[in-house]
Amino acid sequence: MKFVVALLGVLFLAVTADAGASMHNPFYCYATDPIRPMTNMASVFTSYEAIRRFNFTTVNPYRSTCTPSRFWYMGRYGARFPHPIGMEEMIDFAESSVQGDIVSNYEAGRTSLCRQDFEMIRDFSMENDFASGFHLGNASLVTDSGIIGIQNIARRYQENFPDIFPTTYSPERFLFRHTQSVRTNQSARAFASGLFGEAGAQNVVYEDVPERDWFLRPFDFCPAFNDEVSDWDAQRNAFRDGPEMQELIEQVNRRLGFHADQLNFQQIVDMWDWCRFKTAAYFEESGSETGTHCPWCAAFSVAHHLILEYWEDLGHFYFSGYGVRNQRLLENLNCGVMQDLINHMQSDSPQVARIYMSYTQEVQLLLVLLGSFRDTWPLHQHNYAQQAARNWLTSLIAPFGSNLAVVRHDCDDGDHDLIFYLNERPILVPGCDQQNGVCKLSVIVERFQRFVGVNCEEVFCSNL
């Protein structure tokens, strides 16, 4: 059996494969495209709701014939504003001459922009485009749409597992924990308010955040890991300098009318960041299947988004994925988390739900530990075309709000069923039933026996 975890159904790979075959269309018109597939191609800055709609996500609480009884959740924070450095770069770009230069280029007949796309770029203003929310005071904070997205995730799990999630909070039944960052704090509270309402969420008790949080932020407290991934961006940089990206730079410049004094790679990334963050910042509030308009998405064809998405995937693959040479060290980073998951699933204590809020690296590390989304061939600078249908596609596996949830179902034989959900879709785990995704608790315990009963604070940053 191929050692890979795949999403149930063929939609994921079929749609991805078709998208990977996309050719650059210099006359593509973003404003009039009713589908806008690039909404699902923003790597880890993709809107959760966009991916949920793309996957037709629905949780089936009856996948196991046994009784659901316990819940464990590791989530990433919701859609946020850029970090300070990225926001400063985007502000500098917005205040540069590029917008005015594109207007001049269009009026001189040098662009291949449709009229609607040109008008969107011409009318762009930083203040209006982000409703005055785009300023350094909001850097890294979760947006209103990000809060709504996390609340909706909680509500859907509550609807599907009402016996686990009553609408009234009880400290005996629930554990909530987040990291020291404001964005994970905001998201944990959004999850609580999704379950218990704004008033009920005021009663929720959150675990203290330790100064050395090796449990939810193991990558920040492991020097050996930092040494191991010191060259994480080598393949990404090589791809940036390779033929696909260089052709993209040339094509974007031609599309926007820069034939002599051309935009550089960083300016192009700044436009893509405006596209990605604006789309994710308002998706849940837009009421649209494709999200709100973002003028700077118009700078790119669909093929360009695919290339930029692969560039991002390379970075994550070699930082928190299968591209890390020392896989044992990478797996051990989640010793504490896997031990906690197993202990919770083996327990019959009154505490039935444990909710953790962390970062995209933590979700990706868990997927690697499970053997999820492993490709036959590793991603590298030279095989972009061959990886059109890759499993390691961060837009789908690690968007804003991404989460891995595990539900225990109590069975009469005592060997309980576990179902692993990634972003509310069941995944197939090696050693488990490959038809319906049901895992036996005994199989998981045996597979990860090396984490049971050990001192994870000593193991998490080792090759043991």
Protein backbone atom coordinates (compact mmCIF):
# COMPACT_ATOMS: atom_id res chain seq x y z
CA MET A 1 0.00 0.00 0.00
CA LYS A 2 1.33 3.38 -0.93
CA PHE A 3 2.37 5.16 2.26
CA VAL A 4 0.17 8.20 1.85
CA VAL A 5 -2.87 9.71 3.45
CA ALA A 6 -5.39 10.89 0.89
CA LEU A 7 -8.63 12.74 1.25
CA LEU A 8 -11.68 10.64 0.63
CA GLY A 9 -13.02 11.06 -2.87
CA VAL A 10 -11.31 12.04 -6.09
CA LEU A 11 -12.39 15.66 -6.33
CA PHE A 12 -9.24 16.95 -4.62
CA LEU A 13 -6.80 15.40 -7.08
CA ALA A 14 -8.96 15.72 -10.15
CA VAL A 15 -9.52 19.46 -9.78
CA THR A 16 -5.90 20.05 -8.77
CA ALA A 17 -4.62 18.11 -11.76
CA ASP A 18 -6.80 20.13 -14.12
CA ALA A 19 -5.61 23.37 -12.55
CA GLY A 20 -1.99 22.28 -12.86
CA ALA A 21 -2.40 21.98 -16.61
CA SER A 22 -3.52 25.59 -16.89
CA MET A 23 -1.70 27.69 -19.48
CA HIS A 24 -1.02 31.39 -19.17
CA ASN A 25 -3.73 33.49 -20.81
CA PRO A 26 -2.47 37.07 -21.30
CA PHE A 27 -6.05 38.27 -21.83
CA TYR A 28 -7.54 36.64 -18.73
CA CYS A 29 -10.08 38.98 -17.08
CA TYR A 30 -10.28 38.53 -13.32
CA ALA A 31 -13.21 40.92 -12.81
CA THR A 32 -15.55 38.93 -15.05
CA ASP A 33 -14.44 35.42 -14.06
CA PRO A 34 -17.39 33.78 -12.22
CA ILE A 35 -15.19 30.96 -10.84
CA ARG A 36 -11.90 32.61 -9.84
CA PRO A 37 -9.98 29.43 -9.05
CA MET A 38 -7.07 31.45 -7.66
CA THR A 39 -9.16 31.94 -4.53
CA ASN A 40 -8.06 28.41 -3.63
CA MET A 41 -4.38 28.92 -4.57
CA ALA A 42 -3.03 31.29 -1.93
CA SER A 43 -1.02 28.66 -0.02
CA VAL A 44 -1.21 29.12 3.76
CA PHE A 45 -2.94 32.49 3.27
CA THR A 46 -5.97 30.89 1.62
CA SER A 47 -9.41 31.51 3.12
CA TYR A 48 -10.71 28.51 5.07
CA GLU A 49 -14.24 29.03 3.80
CA ALA A 50 -13.02 29.13 0.20
CA ILE A 51 -11.41 25.72 0.67
CA ARG A 52 -14.42 24.33 2.50
CA ARG A 53 -16.71 25.28 -0.36
CA PHE A 54 -14.22 23.98 -2.90
CA ASN A 55 -14.12 20.58 -1.15
CA PHE A 56 -17.89 20.44 -0.54
CA THR A 57 -16.91 19.74 3.06
CA THR A 58 -19.36 18.02 5.32
CA VAL A 59 -18.78 16.02 8.50
CA ASN A 60 -20.60 12.68 8.56
CA PRO A 61 -21.12 11.78 12.24
CA TYR A 62 -22.32 8.30 11.21
CA ARG A 63 -19.14 7.19 9.47
CA SER A 64 -18.64 4.90 12.46
CA THR A 65 -21.59 2.84 13.71
CA CYS A 66 -20.38 3.34 17.29
CA THR A 67 -21.21 6.22 19.63
CA PRO A 68 -19.19 9.48 19.41
CA SER A 69 -17.83 10.34 22.84
CA ARG A 70 -14.56 12.31 22.80
CA PHE A 71 -13.04 15.10 20.72
CA TRP A 72 -9.49 16.39 20.24
CA TYR A 73 -8.65 19.45 18.11
CA MET A 74 -5.45 21.12 16.92
CA GLY A 75 -6.23 24.29 14.99
CA ARG A 76 -4.49 27.18 13.34
CA TYR A 77 -5.68 30.74 13.95
CA GLY A 78 -8.17 32.33 11.57
CA ALA A 79 -7.50 34.69 8.68
CA ARG A 80 -5.26 37.54 9.85
CA PHE A 81 -3.64 40.75 8.72
CA PRO A 82 -0.02 40.44 7.54
CA HIS A 83 2.84 40.44 10.02
CA PRO A 84 4.49 43.86 10.52
CA ILE A 85 7.35 43.39 8.03
CA GLY A 86 5.04 42.04 5.33
CA MET A 87 2.52 44.81 5.97
CA GLU A 88 5.21 47.47 5.66
CA GLU A 89 6.28 46.02 2.31
CA MET A 90 2.68 46.02 1.09
CA ILE A 91 2.16 49.62 2.28
CA ASP A 92 5.37 50.72 0.54
CA PHE A 93 4.15 49.08 -2.65
CA ALA A 94 0.73 50.73 -2.41
CA GLU A 95 2.37 54.11 -1.93
CA SER A 96 4.81 53.61 -4.81
CA SER A 97 4.36 54.80 -8.40
CA VAL A 98 3.33 51.36 -9.71
CA GLN A 99 -0.42 52.01 -9.69
CA GLY A 100 -0.03 55.29 -11.59
CA ASP A 101 2.43 53.68 -14.00
CA ILE A 102 -0.09 50.94 -14.83
CA VAL A 103 -2.74 53.59 -15.53
CA SER A 104 -0.34 55.34 -17.90
CA ASN A 105 0.55 52.04 -19.56
CA TYR A 106 -3.10 51.17 -20.11
CA GLU A 107 -3.92 54.56 -21.56
CA ALA A 108 -0.96 54.19 -23.91
CA GLY A 109 -2.21 50.78 -25.05
CA ARG A 110 0.71 48.83 -23.62
CA THR A 111 -1.19 46.41 -21.31
CA SER A 112 -3.31 43.32 -21.98
CA LEU A 113 -5.70 44.15 -19.13
CA CYS A 114 -9.43 44.05 -19.76
CA ARG A 115 -11.22 47.32 -19.06
CA GLN A 116 -12.83 46.02 -15.86
CA ASP A 117 -9.49 44.89 -14.40
CA PHE A 118 -7.87 48.19 -15.33
CA GLU A 119 -10.63 50.15 -13.61
CA MET A 120 -10.24 48.09 -10.44
CA ILE A 121 -6.50 48.80 -10.32
CA ARG A 122 -7.04 52.47 -11.18
CA ASP A 123 -9.58 52.91 -8.39
CA PHE A 124 -7.61 51.02 -5.73
CA SER A 125 -6.88 52.87 -2.49
CA MET A 126 -5.32 51.28 0.54
CA GLU A 127 -7.81 52.88 2.95
CA ASN A 128 -10.95 51.92 1.05
CA ASP A 129 -9.75 48.46 0.07
CA PHE A 130 -9.30 47.30 3.65
CA ALA A 131 -12.00 49.48 5.21
CA SER A 132 -9.39 51.44 7.16
CA GLY A 133 -8.25 48.26 8.92
CA PHE A 134 -4.95 47.95 7.10
CA HIS A 135 -2.46 49.63 9.41
CA LEU A 136 0.43 48.48 11.57
CA GLY A 137 -1.70 48.57 14.70
CA ASN A 138 -3.61 45.57 13.33
CA ALA A 139 -0.56 43.66 12.06
CA SER A 140 -0.83 39.90 12.78
CA LEU A 141 -4.30 40.25 14.33
CA VAL A 142 -7.18 38.06 13.21
CA THR A 143 -9.70 39.77 10.95
CA ASP A 144 -13.46 39.77 11.52
CA SER A 145 -13.83 37.14 8.80
CA GLY A 146 -11.18 35.05 10.52
CA ILE A 147 -13.19 35.17 13.75
CA ILE A 148 -16.38 34.22 11.93
CA GLY A 149 -14.61 31.34 10.20
CA ILE A 150 -13.39 29.82 13.48
CA GLN A 151 -16.81 30.29 15.10
CA ASN A 152 -18.44 28.48 12.20
CA ILE A 153 -16.02 25.55 12.47
CA ALA A 154 -16.98 25.15 16.14
CA ARG A 155 -20.70 25.38 15.37
CA ARG A 156 -20.51 22.72 12.66
CA TYR A 157 -18.75 20.28 14.98
CA GLN A 158 -21.32 21.05 17.64
CA GLU A 159 -24.17 20.39 15.20
CA ASN A 160 -22.67 17.05 14.21
CA PHE A 161 -21.66 15.91 17.70
CA PRO A 162 -24.22 17.43 20.11
CA ASP A 163 -23.55 14.81 22.79
CA ILE A 164 -19.92 15.93 22.96
CA PHE A 165 -20.66 19.65 22.64
CA PRO A 166 -23.53 20.91 24.79
CA THR A 167 -24.35 24.57 24.35
CA THR A 168 -23.44 25.31 27.97
CA TYR A 169 -19.82 25.45 29.06
CA SER A 170 -18.53 23.25 31.86
CA PRO A 171 -14.85 23.36 32.93
CA GLU A 172 -15.04 19.64 33.74
CA ARG A 173 -15.89 18.78 30.13
CA PHE A 174 -13.63 21.14 28.17
CA LEU A 175 -9.96 22.09 28.00
CA PHE A 176 -8.90 25.16 26.00
CA ARG A 177 -5.30 26.16 25.39
CA HIS A 178 -3.55 28.58 23.03
CA THR A 179 -0.06 29.99 22.63
CA GLN A 180 1.25 33.36 23.80
CA SER A 181 0.33 35.16 20.57
CA VAL A 182 -2.72 37.40 20.33
CA ARG A 183 -3.95 35.70 17.14
CA THR A 184 -4.16 32.21 18.73
CA ASN A 185 -5.78 33.79 21.80
CA GLN A 186 -8.38 35.48 19.57
CA SER A 187 -9.03 32.24 17.70
CA ALA A 188 -9.41 30.09 20.82
CA ARG A 189 -11.97 32.56 22.11
CA ALA A 190 -13.73 32.55 18.74
CA PHE A 191 -14.02 28.76 18.95
CA ALA A 192 -15.47 29.06 22.45
CA SER A 193 -18.00 31.70 21.37
CA GLY A 194 -19.01 29.48 18.45
CA LEU A 195 -19.87 26.75 20.93
CA PHE A 196 -21.34 28.70 23.81
CA GLY A 197 -22.28 32.12 22.43
CA GLU A 198 -20.60 35.38 23.33
CA ALA A 199 -22.02 35.43 26.84
CA GLY A 200 -21.28 31.79 27.59
CA ALA A 201 -17.73 32.11 26.26
CA GLN A 202 -16.97 34.62 29.00
CA ASN A 203 -16.97 31.74 31.47
CA VAL A 204 -14.40 29.65 29.62
CA VAL A 205 -11.18 28.93 31.49
CA TYR A 206 -8.00 28.81 29.39
CA GLU A 207 -4.90 26.90 30.39
CA ASP A 208 -1.92 29.01 31.44
CA VAL A 209 0.64 29.62 28.69
CA PRO A 210 4.08 28.48 29.85
CA GLU A 211 7.09 30.64 29.04
CA ARG A 212 8.76 27.67 27.36
CA ASP A 213 5.82 26.30 25.41
CA TRP A 214 7.46 23.24 23.86
CA PHE A 215 4.02 21.59 23.63
CA LEU A 216 2.32 23.98 21.16
CA ARG A 217 5.45 25.69 19.82
CA PRO A 218 8.09 22.92 19.77
CA PHE A 219 9.84 24.37 16.71
CA ASP A 220 10.67 27.53 18.68
CA PHE A 221 12.45 25.65 21.46
CA CYS A 222 14.52 23.13 19.55
CA PRO A 223 17.95 24.37 18.40
CA ALA A 224 18.57 21.08 16.59
CA PHE A 225 15.49 21.72 14.45
CA ASN A 226 16.60 25.26 13.63
CA ASP A 227 19.97 23.90 12.52
CA GLU A 228 18.30 21.18 10.48
CA VAL A 229 16.15 23.62 8.49
CA SER A 230 18.68 26.46 8.24
CA ASP A 231 18.60 26.10 4.44
CA TRP A 232 14.83 25.57 4.18
CA ASP A 233 14.46 28.16 1.43
CA ALA A 234 17.25 26.85 -0.85
CA GLN A 235 14.88 25.00 -3.22
CA ARG A 236 12.37 27.83 -3.12
CA ASN A 237 15.05 30.36 -4.04
CA ALA A 238 16.29 28.10 -6.81
CA PHE A 239 12.75 27.86 -8.19
CA ARG A 240 12.43 31.64 -7.96
CA ASP A 241 15.50 31.96 -10.17
CA GLY A 242 14.37 29.17 -12.50
CA PRO A 243 12.62 29.33 -15.90
CA GLU A 244 9.00 29.10 -14.67
CA MET A 245 9.28 32.04 -12.31
CA GLN A 246 11.39 34.11 -14.66
CA GLU A 247 8.79 33.60 -17.36
CA LEU A 248 6.09 34.62 -14.88
CA ILE A 249 7.95 37.86 -14.10
CA GLU A 250 8.20 38.63 -17.80
CA GLN A 251 4.53 37.82 -18.44
CA VAL A 252 3.22 39.88 -15.51
CA ASN A 253 5.27 42.84 -16.70
CA ARG A 254 3.89 42.52 -20.22
CA ARG A 255 0.34 42.15 -18.88
CA LEU A 256 0.72 45.40 -16.90
CA GLY A 257 2.53 47.24 -19.68
CA PHE A 258 6.10 47.33 -18.30
CA HIS A 259 8.24 46.59 -21.31
CA ALA A 260 11.39 48.50 -20.39
CA ASP A 261 11.66 49.45 -16.73
CA GLN A 262 10.21 46.24 -15.32
CA LEU A 263 8.75 45.31 -11.96
CA ASN A 264 11.02 43.08 -9.90
CA PHE A 265 10.13 39.84 -8.14
CA GLN A 266 9.46 41.49 -4.77
CA GLN A 267 7.01 43.94 -6.30
CA ILE A 268 5.19 41.04 -7.93
CA VAL A 269 5.03 39.20 -4.61
CA ASP A 270 3.69 42.39 -2.99
CA MET A 271 0.82 42.39 -5.50
CA TRP A 272 0.15 38.73 -4.84
CA ASP A 273 0.11 39.40 -1.09
CA TRP A 274 -2.45 42.16 -1.57
CA CYS A 275 -4.52 39.67 -3.55
CA ARG A 276 -4.20 36.90 -0.98
CA PHE A 277 -4.72 38.88 2.20
CA LYS A 278 -7.58 40.96 0.86
CA THR A 279 -9.42 37.86 -0.35
CA ALA A 280 -8.99 35.99 2.94
CA ALA A 281 -9.68 39.07 5.08
CA TYR A 282 -13.26 39.40 3.86
CA PHE A 283 -14.26 36.04 2.43
CA GLU A 284 -16.70 35.02 5.19
CA GLU A 285 -18.25 38.48 5.17
CA SER A 286 -18.54 38.78 1.39
CA GLY A 287 -21.53 36.48 0.92
CA SER A 288 -19.96 35.42 -2.38
CA GLU A 289 -18.79 32.02 -3.59
CA THR A 290 -15.58 33.63 -4.80
CA GLY A 291 -15.03 36.23 -2.09
CA THR A 292 -14.68 39.97 -2.43
CA HIS A 293 -12.89 41.72 -5.29
CA CYS A 294 -9.20 42.51 -4.95
CA PRO A 295 -7.74 44.74 -7.67
CA TRP A 296 -4.23 43.27 -7.45
CA CYS A 297 -5.46 39.76 -8.25
CA ALA A 298 -5.97 41.17 -11.75
CA ALA A 299 -2.21 41.34 -12.28
CA PHE A 300 -2.06 37.56 -12.68
CA SER A 301 -3.47 34.82 -14.84
CA VAL A 302 -4.55 31.54 -13.25
CA ALA A 303 -1.29 29.94 -14.36
CA HIS A 304 0.67 32.56 -12.43
CA HIS A 305 -1.13 31.74 -9.18
CA LEU A 306 -0.23 28.08 -9.65
CA ILE A 307 3.45 28.90 -10.03
CA LEU A 308 3.49 31.20 -7.00
CA GLU A 309 1.60 28.58 -5.00
CA TYR A 310 4.28 25.99 -5.84
CA TRP A 311 6.98 28.45 -4.78
CA GLU A 312 5.29 28.72 -1.39
CA ASP A 313 4.77 24.96 -1.13
CA LEU A 314 8.49 24.40 -1.60
CA GLY A 315 9.22 26.52 1.46
CA HIS A 316 6.80 24.61 3.70
CA PHE A 317 7.92 21.26 2.31
CA TYR A 318 11.51 21.89 3.40
CA PHE A 319 10.61 23.62 6.68
CA SER A 320 7.83 21.51 8.17
CA GLY A 321 7.27 18.73 5.65
CA TYR A 322 8.85 15.71 4.02
CA GLY A 323 11.73 17.76 2.64
CA VAL A 324 13.34 17.98 6.08
CA ARG A 325 16.22 15.50 6.00
CA ASN A 326 15.94 14.36 9.63
CA GLN A 327 12.37 13.07 9.65
CA ARG A 328 12.77 11.44 13.06
CA LEU A 329 13.55 14.80 14.64
CA LEU A 330 10.61 16.37 12.82
CA GLU A 331 8.23 13.67 14.08
CA ASN A 332 9.52 13.91 17.65
CA LEU A 333 8.62 17.60 17.79
CA ASN A 334 5.03 16.43 18.27
CA CYS A 335 5.81 13.94 21.03
CA GLY A 336 3.79 15.94 23.57
CA VAL A 337 0.86 16.47 21.23
CA MET A 338 0.60 12.83 20.14
CA GLN A 339 0.99 11.64 23.73
CA ASP A 340 -1.82 14.00 24.75
CA LEU A 341 -4.04 12.75 21.92
CA ILE A 342 -3.52 9.09 22.86
CA ASN A 343 -4.04 9.73 26.57
CA HIS A 344 -7.25 11.62 25.85
CA MET A 345 -8.60 8.90 23.58
CA GLN A 346 -7.77 6.17 26.13
CA SER A 347 -9.29 8.07 29.04
CA ASP A 348 -12.82 7.89 30.38
CA SER A 349 -12.53 11.08 32.43
CA PRO A 350 -15.35 13.66 32.43
CA GLN A 351 -13.24 15.89 30.17
CA VAL A 352 -14.51 14.98 26.70
CA ALA A 353 -13.07 17.77 24.51
CA ARG A 354 -9.58 19.24 24.28
CA ILE A 355 -9.15 22.26 21.98
CA TYR A 356 -5.71 23.64 21.14
CA MET A 357 -4.95 26.68 18.99
CA SER A 358 -1.51 26.98 17.44
CA TYR A 359 0.14 27.67 14.06
CA THR A 360 0.30 26.22 10.57
CA GLN A 361 3.64 24.54 11.33
CA GLU A 362 2.01 22.54 14.11
CA VAL A 363 -0.77 21.28 11.84
CA GLN A 364 1.75 20.39 9.13
CA LEU A 365 4.01 18.58 11.61
CA LEU A 366 1.06 16.48 12.73
CA LEU A 367 0.27 15.54 9.14
CA VAL A 368 3.86 14.40 8.64
CA LEU A 369 3.73 12.39 11.85
CA LEU A 370 0.60 10.62 10.57
CA GLY A 371 2.18 10.06 7.17
CA SER A 372 -0.27 12.42 5.52
CA PHE A 373 0.06 13.81 2.02
CA ARG A 374 3.37 12.17 1.22
CA ASP A 375 4.16 12.30 -2.49
CA THR A 376 5.90 9.55 -4.45
CA TRP A 377 8.58 12.03 -5.46
CA PRO A 378 9.74 14.98 -3.35
CA LEU A 379 9.02 18.53 -4.45
CA HIS A 380 12.03 20.36 -5.83
CA GLN A 381 12.96 23.20 -8.14
CA HIS A 382 12.87 21.13 -11.33
CA ASN A 383 9.58 19.20 -11.13
CA TYR A 384 6.86 21.85 -11.00
CA ALA A 385 4.99 20.38 -13.98
CA GLN A 386 5.24 16.82 -12.65
CA GLN A 387 3.81 17.94 -9.27
CA ALA A 388 0.57 19.37 -10.67
CA ALA A 389 -1.44 16.75 -8.74
CA ARG A 390 0.80 16.74 -5.64
CA ASN A 391 -0.50 15.78 -2.24
CA TRP A 392 1.56 18.44 -0.45
CA LEU A 393 -0.67 21.33 -1.52
CA THR A 394 -0.70 23.84 1.31
CA SER A 395 -3.65 25.79 -0.04
CA LEU A 396 -5.86 22.78 0.69
CA ILE A 397 -4.16 21.23 3.71
CA ALA A 398 -3.00 24.33 5.62
CA PRO A 399 -5.16 27.40 4.89
CA PHE A 400 -6.07 29.96 7.53
CA GLY A 401 -8.04 28.16 10.25
CA SER A 402 -6.79 24.73 9.20
CA ASN A 403 -7.40 22.05 11.78
CA LEU A 404 -6.91 18.39 12.59
CA ALA A 405 -9.73 16.97 14.69
CA VAL A 406 -10.02 13.45 16.08
CA VAL A 407 -13.32 11.97 17.22
CA ARG A 408 -13.53 8.83 19.35
CA HIS A 409 -16.53 6.56 18.89
CA ASP A 410 -17.20 4.07 21.70
CA CYS A 411 -17.74 0.51 20.48
CA ASP A 412 -19.09 -2.52 22.34
CA ASP A 413 -15.87 -4.48 21.84
CA GLY A 414 -13.87 -1.86 23.78
CA ASP A 415 -11.55 -1.14 20.87
CA HIS A 416 -12.93 2.26 20.02
CA ASP A 417 -13.11 3.83 16.56
CA LEU A 418 -11.15 7.00 15.79
CA ILE A 419 -11.80 9.23 12.81
CA PHE A 420 -9.26 11.87 11.81
CA TYR A 421 -10.68 14.99 10.15
CA LEU A 422 -8.50 17.49 8.33
CA ASN A 423 -10.41 20.71 7.76
CA GLU A 424 -13.63 18.80 8.45
CA ARG A 425 -12.92 16.07 5.90
CA PRO A 426 -11.96 12.53 6.93
CA ILE A 427 -8.49 11.38 5.95
CA LEU A 428 -7.26 7.85 5.39
CA VAL A 429 -4.52 6.87 7.83
CA PRO A 430 -2.10 4.01 7.08
CA GLY A 431 -3.07 0.92 9.05
CA CYS A 432 -6.71 1.96 9.24
CA ASP A 433 -9.72 1.10 7.10
CA GLN A 434 -8.93 2.45 3.64
CA GLN A 435 -12.58 2.58 2.60
CA ASN A 436 -14.21 4.69 5.29
CA GLY A 437 -11.26 6.15 7.20
CA VAL A 438 -12.14 4.46 10.51
CA CYS A 439 -9.10 3.74 12.72
CA LYS A 440 -9.04 1.40 15.68
CA LEU A 441 -7.67 3.00 18.82
CA SER A 442 -5.42 -0.01 19.38
CA VAL A 443 -3.81 0.51 15.97
CA ILE A 444 -2.98 4.14 16.72
CA VAL A 445 -1.64 3.30 20.17
CA GLU A 446 0.59 0.56 18.75
CA ARG A 447 1.86 2.72 15.92
CA PHE A 448 2.83 5.59 18.23
CA GLN A 449 3.82 3.47 21.20
CA ARG A 450 7.19 5.22 21.43
CA PHE A 451 5.42 8.36 22.67
CA VAL A 452 3.40 6.60 25.37
CA GLY A 453 4.63 7.17 28.89
CA VAL A 454 7.88 8.95 27.94
CA ASN A 455 9.07 12.34 29.14
CA CYS A 456 8.28 14.34 26.00
CA GLU A 457 10.08 17.42 27.26
CA GLU A 458 13.26 15.36 26.89
CA VAL A 459 12.25 13.58 23.68
CA PHE A 460 10.69 16.34 21.55
CA CYS A 461 14.03 17.79 20.40
CA SER A 462 15.90 14.53 19.88
CA ASN A 463 16.41 11.62 17.49
CA LEU A 464 15.26 9.00 20.01
